[in-house]
């Protein structure tokens, strides 16, 4: 099974070697047929602490680093 790759924006970089990434997705509601936006924050591993708030990044599913941290930064989007 392929690993998930998600694209989002860094919203928090205060923890050591960890960033929080906001992922926004759009989908159509099954009954009302309205386009709905949903947002979710993921904790991702940033080994070098090089990403700052506002950076666009791609994260990929990886081994669990902690209870909540199951993604790592793949690359910075341009």
Protein backbone atom coordinates (compact mmCIF):
# COMPACT_ATOMS: atom_id res chain seq x y z
CA UNK A 1 0.00 0.00 0.00
CA UNK A 2 1.47 3.39 -0.96
CA UNK A 3 2.28 5.97 1.69
CA UNK A 4 0.10 9.08 1.97
CA UNK A 5 1.62 12.32 0.71
CA UNK A 6 -0.11 15.49 1.88
CA UNK A 7 0.50 19.14 0.97
CA UNK A 8 -0.05 21.99 3.40
CA UNK A 9 1.23 25.05 5.24
CA UNK A 10 3.33 25.13 8.44
CA UNK A 11 1.29 26.75 11.24
CA UNK A 12 3.53 26.05 14.26
CA UNK A 13 7.27 25.45 14.63
CA UNK A 14 7.83 25.93 18.37
CA UNK A 15 8.60 22.32 19.31
CA UNK A 16 12.06 20.84 18.76
CA UNK A 17 12.27 18.76 15.55
CA UNK A 18 8.49 19.03 15.09
CA UNK A 19 6.25 21.20 12.96
CA UNK A 20 2.47 21.36 12.72
CA UNK A 21 1.10 21.36 9.18
CA UNK A 22 -2.43 22.50 8.29
CA UNK A 23 -3.94 20.35 5.54
CA UNK A 24 -7.04 21.72 3.82
CA UNK A 25 -9.21 19.55 1.60
CA UNK A 26 -12.45 20.07 -0.28
CA UNK A 27 -15.10 17.45 -0.87
CA UNK A 28 -18.74 17.32 -1.90
CA UNK A 29 -21.28 16.53 0.81
CA UNK A 30 -22.99 13.24 -0.11
CA UNK A 31 -26.56 14.38 0.60
CA UNK A 32 -26.60 18.15 0.13
CA UNK A 33 -24.09 18.23 -2.78
CA UNK A 34 -22.42 21.34 -1.34
CA UNK A 35 -18.65 21.69 -1.51
CA UNK A 36 -17.30 21.57 2.04
CA UNK A 37 -13.83 22.63 3.22
CA UNK A 38 -12.23 20.76 6.09
CA UNK A 39 -8.94 21.49 7.84
CA UNK A 40 -6.77 19.22 9.92
CA UNK A 41 -3.41 19.71 11.65
CA UNK A 42 -0.74 17.03 11.47
CA UNK A 43 2.47 16.87 13.48
CA UNK A 44 5.47 16.14 11.26
CA UNK A 45 9.12 15.36 11.98
CA UNK A 46 11.57 18.09 10.91
CA UNK A 47 15.07 16.81 11.71
CA UNK A 48 16.97 20.06 11.06
CA UNK A 49 14.38 22.57 12.35
CA UNK A 50 14.62 24.37 9.00
CA UNK A 51 10.93 25.00 8.25
CA UNK A 52 9.22 28.12 9.58
CA UNK A 53 5.60 29.30 9.90
CA UNK A 54 4.09 30.01 6.49
CA UNK A 55 6.26 27.59 4.48
CA UNK A 56 4.43 25.31 2.04
CA UNK A 57 5.58 21.71 2.56
CA UNK A 58 4.82 18.16 1.53
CA UNK A 59 4.67 15.51 4.25
CA UNK A 60 4.77 11.75 3.87
CA UNK A 61 3.54 8.97 6.12
CA UNK A 62 6.35 7.28 8.07
CA UNK A 63 7.09 5.22 11.12
CA UNK A 64 5.66 6.61 14.38
CA UNK A 65 8.05 9.08 16.00
CA UNK A 66 5.72 9.57 18.98
CA UNK A 67 2.07 9.16 19.99
CA UNK A 68 0.86 11.85 17.56
CA UNK A 69 3.77 12.26 15.14
CA UNK A 70 3.44 9.80 12.23
CA UNK A 71 4.56 11.99 9.31
CA UNK A 72 7.88 13.46 8.21
CA UNK A 73 8.67 16.38 5.92
CA UNK A 74 9.31 15.24 2.36
CA UNK A 75 10.23 18.58 0.76
CA UNK A 76 9.38 22.24 0.58
CA UNK A 77 6.91 23.19 -2.14
CA UNK A 78 7.84 26.12 -4.33
